[in-house]
Protein backbone atom coordinates (compact mmCIF):
# COMPACT_ATOMS: atom_id res chain seq x y z
CA MET A 1 169.39 -149.08 -121.74
CA ARG A 2 169.60 -147.20 -124.46
CA LYS A 3 169.71 -143.99 -122.56
CA GLU A 4 172.09 -145.23 -120.39
CA LEU A 5 174.17 -145.70 -123.41
CA ARG A 6 173.52 -142.18 -124.69
CA ASP A 7 174.50 -140.44 -121.51
CA ARG A 8 177.17 -142.96 -120.01
CA PRO A 9 178.92 -143.98 -123.17
CA ASN A 10 182.52 -144.80 -121.37
CA ASP A 11 181.07 -145.87 -117.97
CA GLN A 12 182.88 -149.31 -117.12
CA HIS A 13 179.91 -150.83 -115.86
CA LEU A 14 178.23 -150.92 -119.19
CA LYS A 15 181.19 -152.16 -120.75
CA GLN A 16 181.40 -154.98 -118.22
CA GLU A 17 177.84 -155.51 -119.53
CA VAL A 18 178.66 -155.86 -123.18
CA LEU A 19 181.34 -158.56 -122.20
CA GLN A 20 178.79 -160.39 -120.25
CA ALA A 21 176.16 -160.32 -122.77
CA VAL A 22 178.51 -161.96 -125.41
CA GLN A 23 179.27 -164.57 -122.88
CA GLN A 24 175.89 -165.36 -122.11
CA HIS A 25 174.98 -165.32 -125.41
CA MET A 26 177.72 -167.80 -126.16
CA ARG A 27 176.69 -169.96 -123.30
CA LYS A 28 172.88 -170.04 -124.86
CA GLU A 29 174.01 -170.98 -128.57
CA LEU A 30 176.24 -172.93 -128.19
CA HIS A 31 176.32 -176.84 -127.96
CA ASP A 32 178.44 -177.98 -125.37
CA GLU A 33 181.07 -179.71 -127.27
CA VAL A 34 181.12 -176.68 -129.62
CA ALA A 35 181.16 -174.22 -126.69
CA GLN A 36 184.47 -176.64 -125.27
CA GLN A 37 186.41 -176.13 -128.31
CA VAL A 38 185.84 -172.34 -128.10
CA GLN A 39 186.75 -172.53 -124.86
CA HIS A 40 190.00 -174.10 -125.96
CA GLU A 41 190.99 -171.82 -128.62
CA LEU A 42 190.26 -169.11 -126.12
CA ALA A 43 192.37 -170.31 -123.48
CA LYS A 44 195.28 -170.90 -126.29
CA LEU A 45 194.54 -166.84 -126.97
CA SER A 46 194.55 -165.64 -123.58
CA HIS A 47 197.50 -163.43 -124.03
CA PHE A 48 195.43 -161.87 -126.73
CA LYS A 49 192.11 -162.14 -125.50
CA HIS A 50 192.95 -161.02 -121.63
CA TYR A 51 195.60 -158.51 -122.53
CA VAL A 52 198.36 -159.44 -120.13
CA ASN A 53 200.99 -156.85 -119.62
CA ASP A 54 204.22 -158.30 -121.45
CA SER A 55 205.44 -157.55 -125.27
CA SER A 56 204.02 -160.00 -127.75
CA PRO A 57 207.33 -161.68 -129.56
CA VAL A 58 208.42 -161.30 -132.71
CA GLN A 59 207.70 -164.43 -134.50
CA GLU A 60 209.95 -164.91 -137.20
CA LYS A 61 210.05 -168.51 -139.41
CA GLN A 62 213.37 -169.20 -141.51
CA ASN A 63 212.99 -169.46 -145.31
CA LEU A 64 210.48 -172.22 -146.54
CA ALA A 65 213.94 -173.26 -148.56
CA GLU A 66 215.72 -173.63 -145.29
CA ARG A 67 212.93 -175.78 -143.52
CA ALA A 68 213.11 -178.16 -146.51
CA ALA A 69 216.96 -178.84 -146.35
CA SER A 70 216.37 -181.55 -143.71
CA PRO A 71 213.91 -183.92 -145.90
CA LEU A 72 216.10 -183.56 -148.60
CA LEU A 73 219.11 -184.27 -146.86
CA VAL A 74 217.47 -187.54 -145.64
CA GLU A 75 216.25 -188.21 -148.98
CA SER A 76 220.41 -187.91 -150.67
CA LEU A 77 221.34 -190.26 -147.83
CA GLN A 78 218.80 -193.05 -147.80
CA GLY A 79 218.06 -192.80 -151.96
CA GLU A 80 214.67 -192.47 -151.19
CA GLU A 81 212.08 -189.55 -151.46
CA ALA A 82 211.47 -187.93 -148.45
CA PRO A 83 207.50 -188.06 -146.92
CA GLU A 84 205.80 -184.60 -147.85
CA THR A 85 204.83 -183.05 -144.64
CA ARG A 86 200.97 -182.05 -143.94
CA GLY A 87 202.76 -178.05 -144.34
CA GLU A 88 204.53 -178.83 -147.63
CA GLN A 89 201.56 -180.38 -149.16
CA HIS A 90 199.28 -177.13 -148.06
CA GLU A 91 202.04 -174.97 -149.28
CA ARG A 92 202.10 -177.16 -152.79
CA GLU A 93 197.93 -176.51 -153.10
CA LYS A 94 197.93 -173.12 -152.22
CA ARG A 95 200.60 -172.12 -154.82
CA ALA A 96 198.69 -174.02 -157.36
CA LEU A 97 195.94 -172.50 -156.98
CA LEU A 98 197.31 -169.22 -158.69
CA LYS A 99 200.03 -169.25 -162.01
CA PRO A 100 202.97 -167.35 -161.26
CA HIS A 101 201.92 -164.53 -163.81
CA GLU A 102 198.77 -164.33 -161.54
CA THR A 103 200.69 -163.42 -158.37
CA VAL A 104 202.83 -160.24 -157.68
CA GLN A 105 207.00 -160.73 -157.20
CA THR A 106 207.64 -158.06 -154.76
CA GLY A 107 211.62 -158.94 -154.62
CA GLY A 108 211.07 -158.65 -150.90
CA LYS A 109 208.63 -158.68 -147.96
CA PRO A 110 206.05 -155.82 -147.98
CA VAL A 111 204.91 -154.60 -144.77
CA ILE A 112 201.10 -154.62 -144.10
CA VAL A 113 199.41 -152.84 -141.25
CA GLY A 114 195.92 -153.83 -140.08
CA GLY A 115 193.85 -153.81 -137.35
CA SER A 116 190.03 -152.98 -136.28
CA ASP A 117 189.22 -149.11 -136.88
CA GLY A 118 190.34 -147.13 -134.48
CA SER A 119 192.93 -149.43 -133.17
CA GLY A 120 195.63 -146.98 -133.43
CA THR A 121 197.31 -148.08 -137.05
CA ARG A 122 198.15 -144.72 -137.78
CA ALA A 123 200.36 -144.53 -134.62
CA VAL A 124 201.98 -147.11 -135.90
CA VAL A 125 202.42 -146.16 -139.43
CA LEU A 126 204.26 -142.80 -138.37
CA LEU A 127 206.64 -145.39 -136.00
CA LEU A 128 207.27 -147.50 -139.10
CA GLN A 129 208.15 -144.20 -141.14
CA ARG A 130 210.57 -143.28 -138.12
CA LEU A 131 212.07 -146.81 -138.27
CA GLY A 132 213.00 -146.57 -142.10
CA VAL A 133 209.95 -148.37 -144.04
CA ASN A 134 208.96 -146.54 -147.08
CA MET A 135 204.89 -146.14 -146.26
CA VAL A 136 202.60 -145.52 -149.22
CA ILE A 137 199.90 -143.24 -148.59
CA GLU A 138 196.93 -141.83 -150.32
CA ASP A 139 194.96 -140.48 -147.20
CA ARG A 140 197.11 -137.81 -145.41
CA GLY A 141 194.65 -137.71 -142.75
CA THR A 142 194.30 -141.60 -141.83
CA LEU A 143 197.55 -142.48 -143.45
CA ASP A 144 195.05 -145.31 -145.36
CA VAL A 145 195.33 -146.52 -148.67
CA HIS A 146 191.80 -146.31 -149.79
CA GLY A 147 192.10 -149.57 -152.29
CA GLU A 148 190.25 -147.68 -155.27
CA GLN A 149 191.98 -150.20 -157.59
CA LEU A 150 189.97 -153.16 -156.31
CA GLY A 151 186.64 -151.46 -157.52
CA MET A 152 184.34 -148.46 -157.65
CA GLY A 153 183.58 -148.98 -153.85
CA GLY A 154 186.95 -149.34 -152.56
CA TRP A 155 188.24 -152.18 -149.88
CA PRO A 156 184.24 -153.22 -149.33
CA ASP A 157 184.35 -154.46 -152.97
CA ALA A 158 187.26 -156.76 -151.93
CA VAL A 159 186.01 -157.76 -148.74
CA ASN A 160 182.57 -158.33 -148.57
CA PRO A 161 182.57 -161.21 -151.63
CA VAL A 162 185.18 -163.20 -149.20
CA LEU A 163 183.09 -162.73 -145.74
CA HIS A 164 180.17 -163.82 -147.57
CA GLU A 165 181.73 -167.18 -147.52
CA THR A 166 184.14 -167.05 -144.88
CA HIS A 167 181.94 -165.05 -142.42
CA GLY A 168 185.51 -164.19 -140.72
CA THR A 169 189.25 -163.87 -141.39
CA ASP A 170 190.27 -167.39 -140.37
CA TYR A 171 189.85 -169.50 -143.92
CA ASP A 172 191.64 -171.59 -145.81
CA VAL A 173 191.90 -169.82 -149.37
CA THR A 174 192.17 -173.12 -151.05
CA SER A 175 188.41 -174.27 -149.50
CA LEU A 176 186.93 -171.28 -151.34
CA SER A 177 184.85 -171.21 -155.05
CA SER A 178 187.31 -171.22 -157.85
CA ASN A 179 185.10 -167.82 -158.71
CA LEU A 180 186.15 -166.25 -155.68
CA ILE A 181 189.51 -167.01 -156.09
CA ARG A 182 189.82 -165.52 -159.86
CA GLU A 183 188.06 -162.56 -159.03
CA GLU A 184 189.65 -161.64 -156.08
CA SER A 185 193.44 -162.46 -157.23
CA ARG A 186 192.61 -160.16 -160.04
CA ARG A 187 191.47 -157.15 -157.84
CA LEU A 188 194.49 -158.18 -155.16
CA LYS A 189 197.02 -158.09 -157.92
CA ARG A 190 196.24 -154.53 -159.29
CA PHE A 191 196.01 -153.06 -155.92
CA LEU A 192 199.72 -154.62 -155.15
CA SER A 193 201.09 -153.66 -158.68
CA THR A 194 199.76 -150.18 -157.92
CA MET A 195 201.43 -150.25 -154.33
CA GLN A 196 204.68 -151.25 -155.50
CA ASP A 197 205.01 -148.89 -158.34
CA ARG A 198 204.08 -146.17 -156.01
CA ALA A 199 206.69 -147.46 -153.69
CA LYS A 200 209.27 -147.65 -156.10
CA ARG A 201 208.47 -144.09 -157.26
CA GLN A 202 209.21 -142.55 -153.77
CA ARG A 203 211.99 -145.26 -152.49
CA THR A 204 215.21 -143.85 -151.28
CA PRO A 205 218.54 -145.13 -150.21
CA GLN A 206 216.82 -144.72 -146.45
CA HIS A 207 213.79 -146.68 -147.17
CA SER A 208 214.38 -149.99 -149.05
CA THR A 209 211.38 -151.99 -147.01
CA TRP A 210 207.95 -150.34 -148.20
CA GLY A 211 204.33 -151.22 -146.98
CA PHE A 212 200.77 -149.51 -146.57
CA LYS A 213 198.26 -149.49 -143.92
CA ALA A 214 194.41 -150.52 -144.59
CA PRO A 215 192.66 -151.51 -141.37
CA ILE A 216 190.45 -153.48 -143.48
CA SER A 217 193.75 -155.27 -144.37
CA MET A 218 193.07 -157.50 -141.80
CA SER A 219 190.17 -159.72 -143.48
CA LEU A 220 192.63 -160.86 -146.34
CA VAL A 221 195.84 -161.70 -144.66
CA PRO A 222 194.90 -165.69 -146.33
CA PHE A 223 194.99 -164.01 -149.82
CA TRP A 224 197.64 -161.86 -149.15
CA ASP A 225 199.65 -165.02 -148.55
CA ILE A 226 198.93 -166.90 -151.89
CA MET A 227 199.18 -163.25 -153.75
CA LEU A 228 202.70 -162.52 -152.37
CA PRO A 229 204.66 -165.74 -153.00
CA THR A 230 207.93 -164.21 -151.56
CA GLY A 231 206.05 -163.51 -148.27
CA PHE A 232 205.34 -160.41 -146.34
CA LYS A 233 205.06 -158.91 -142.96
CA PHE A 234 201.88 -158.37 -141.32
CA VAL A 235 201.91 -155.95 -138.46
CA HIS A 236 198.45 -156.71 -136.13
CA VAL A 237 197.79 -153.43 -134.45
CA LEU A 238 195.38 -154.51 -131.19
CA ARG A 239 193.45 -152.50 -129.01
CA ASP A 240 191.10 -153.27 -126.02
CA GLY A 241 187.53 -154.20 -127.69
CA ARG A 242 186.00 -152.66 -124.93
CA ASP A 243 187.35 -149.22 -126.04
CA LEU A 244 186.09 -149.60 -129.71
CA ALA A 245 182.74 -151.30 -128.75
CA PHE A 246 182.21 -147.65 -127.22
CA SER A 247 184.18 -145.66 -129.87
CA ARG A 248 182.36 -143.06 -132.21
CA ASN A 249 184.04 -145.01 -135.07
CA GLN A 250 181.28 -147.39 -135.43
CA SER A 251 182.25 -147.84 -139.35
CA PRO A 252 183.36 -151.72 -139.65
CA VAL A 253 180.03 -152.75 -137.64
CA GLN A 254 177.86 -150.90 -140.49
CA LYS A 255 179.78 -152.24 -143.33
CA PHE A 256 180.81 -155.62 -142.17
CA TYR A 257 178.34 -157.06 -139.37
CA ASN A 258 175.56 -158.34 -141.33
CA VAL A 259 177.97 -159.81 -143.84
CA THR A 260 179.83 -161.44 -140.85
CA PHE A 261 176.80 -162.36 -138.81
CA THR A 262 174.19 -163.11 -140.69
CA ASP A 263 171.29 -163.47 -138.10
CA SER A 264 172.21 -161.07 -134.98
CA TRP A 265 171.37 -157.60 -135.65
CA ALA A 266 168.04 -157.46 -134.06
CA ARG A 267 169.45 -159.59 -130.82
CA TRP A 268 171.48 -156.34 -130.00
CA LYS A 269 168.92 -153.58 -130.77
CA HIS A 270 169.03 -152.17 -126.88
CA LEU A 271 172.63 -152.92 -126.66
CA PRO A 272 174.69 -151.88 -129.95
CA PRO A 273 178.00 -152.02 -128.61
CA VAL A 274 177.68 -155.79 -128.40
CA ARG A 275 177.93 -155.78 -132.30
CA ALA A 276 181.58 -154.08 -132.35
CA MET A 277 182.55 -156.42 -129.67
CA GLU A 278 181.56 -159.38 -131.76
CA VAL A 279 183.02 -157.93 -134.57
CA TRP A 280 186.18 -157.11 -132.85
CA GLU A 281 186.42 -160.62 -131.20
CA LYS A 282 185.62 -162.50 -134.56
CA TRP A 283 188.04 -160.65 -136.85
CA ASN A 284 191.20 -160.07 -134.45
CA ALA A 285 190.98 -163.34 -132.82
CA GLY A 286 190.54 -165.03 -136.57
CA VAL A 287 193.62 -163.39 -137.88
CA LEU A 288 195.17 -164.52 -135.02
CA SER A 289 194.60 -167.95 -134.66
CA TRP A 290 195.45 -168.31 -138.92
CA ALA A 291 198.76 -166.69 -138.33
CA HIS A 292 199.60 -169.10 -135.32
CA ARG A 293 198.45 -172.22 -137.45
CA ALA A 294 200.19 -171.14 -140.72
CA LEU A 295 203.55 -170.55 -138.39
CA ASP A 296 203.60 -173.51 -136.21
CA GLY A 297 202.72 -175.68 -139.79
CA ASN A 298 205.68 -173.98 -141.44
CA ALA A 299 202.97 -173.86 -144.64
CA THR A 300 203.79 -169.79 -144.73
CA LEU A 301 206.48 -167.28 -145.80
CA VAL A 302 204.35 -164.64 -143.75
CA GLU A 303 206.13 -163.29 -140.53
CA TYR A 304 203.75 -161.85 -137.76
CA ILE A 305 203.62 -159.28 -135.01
CA VAL A 306 201.15 -157.79 -132.80
CA VAL A 307 201.59 -154.45 -131.57
CA ARG A 308 199.29 -153.61 -128.92
CA SER A 309 198.03 -149.86 -128.59
CA GLU A 310 198.08 -149.67 -124.97
CA ASP A 311 202.07 -150.50 -124.85
CA LEU A 312 202.98 -147.35 -127.05
CA ILE A 313 201.16 -145.31 -124.86
CA ASP A 314 203.48 -146.97 -121.86
CA PRO A 315 206.67 -145.18 -121.01
CA GLU A 316 207.80 -148.66 -119.43
CA ARG A 317 206.27 -150.95 -122.18
CA ALA A 318 206.63 -148.74 -125.26
CA PRO A 319 210.73 -148.92 -125.97
CA PRO A 320 211.09 -153.01 -126.21
CA VAL A 321 208.05 -153.23 -128.40
CA VAL A 322 209.51 -150.35 -130.73
CA ARG A 323 212.87 -152.60 -130.61
CA ALA A 324 211.15 -155.57 -131.37
CA LEU A 325 209.19 -153.67 -134.07
CA ALA A 326 212.33 -152.31 -135.57
CA GLN A 327 213.57 -156.02 -135.64
CA PHE A 328 210.57 -157.26 -137.17
CA VAL A 329 210.93 -154.94 -140.27
CA ASN A 330 214.87 -154.95 -140.73
CA SER A 331 215.53 -151.35 -139.64
CA PRO A 332 218.44 -149.41 -140.37
CA LEU A 333 218.46 -148.08 -136.84
CA SER A 334 220.50 -149.37 -134.31
CA ALA A 335 218.87 -150.62 -131.15
CA GLY A 336 219.61 -147.52 -129.28
CA GLN A 337 218.69 -145.04 -131.95
CA ALA A 338 215.07 -147.60 -132.27
CA CYS A 339 214.63 -147.22 -128.33
CA CYS A 340 215.02 -143.19 -128.70
CA ILE A 341 212.20 -143.04 -130.86
CA GLY A 342 209.87 -143.02 -128.14
CA ARG A 343 206.43 -143.85 -127.72
CA GLY A 344 203.84 -142.64 -130.15
CA PRO A 345 201.73 -139.47 -130.13
CA ALA A 346 198.60 -140.89 -128.07
CA GLU A 347 196.15 -138.63 -130.57
CA PHE A 348 196.95 -141.27 -133.23
CA LEU A 349 195.47 -143.91 -131.05
CA GLY A 350 192.30 -143.39 -131.68
CA SER A 351 190.50 -142.26 -134.44
CA HIS A 352 188.09 -139.89 -133.22
CA GLN A 353 187.99 -137.28 -130.08
CA GLY A 354 187.96 -139.05 -126.81
CA ASP A 355 188.92 -142.62 -128.06
CA THR A 356 192.15 -142.53 -126.93
CA PRO A 357 192.69 -145.88 -125.31
CA HIS A 358 193.46 -146.20 -121.68
CA PRO A 359 196.98 -148.20 -120.61
């Protein structure tokens, strides 16, 4: 098996074998009740799991104050205090975790670009810049920000402590330990304040909205939610996990697999791509699940959109995706101008040579 993987890394049959191995492992390890829950969640996320070809809609939510107007009106008419909804209760508890001076007031909603390494986030950054977003960039090669303000080790210093408690990306910050919340908020405040200052220095009249890109930022979406009380816009860049499983870029697996899956490394000794598939599924499905639950419960000011790399290199699917992204970031370009931007360069849709996704 190891020789086959080395000699034929892009063989479709091997990719299918990886998927079957993951499915068989799930069937063997999960009890019936848990397995039913997993299947139920996957069914709800079928547009993510199975990659249908329609464009993901832009999910824009009204301001939280506007959503509270109806209960307030009831209270004024009836002379009684309106009952607190579950979403409002969770929002209050979440905001109580940090004092105002411990958060970052941005005056607007920054754009955060995240996704699995090698998913095509560079192409999305180039596209956002052309749409008028002031992107803070520290690495001209990857177009990333390295998070040096988070600690000597950069992003792993902020991500690993969270994964030690959550083992994934779908979590409720209110359930985490107080020490973790305190230390993480300090790190993220330093980072966000630096990003905001840099954005202000390079701001132009054409670039009023600012943002940054770090693929690993997807693991901290629930923390961005409490650190940015005015909200933020998250661009979730998604690429077929089978491509990433056989990509040369296995950095996320090396850095974060063991903290996400505590006892699975040896199990896939003879089929390493399964590890990449597990990380891809756990992290991407977790972010999507958290975002949908938060948005459906009206418990967040986050705005969220999924951009599929395969769509950006398809002549027919790219234009509506670009228009949706332009609307999402409030681009100053007209719909016609945004449409004319066209598809992103394919060479930026994979981290390494030979990693360009298939449409």
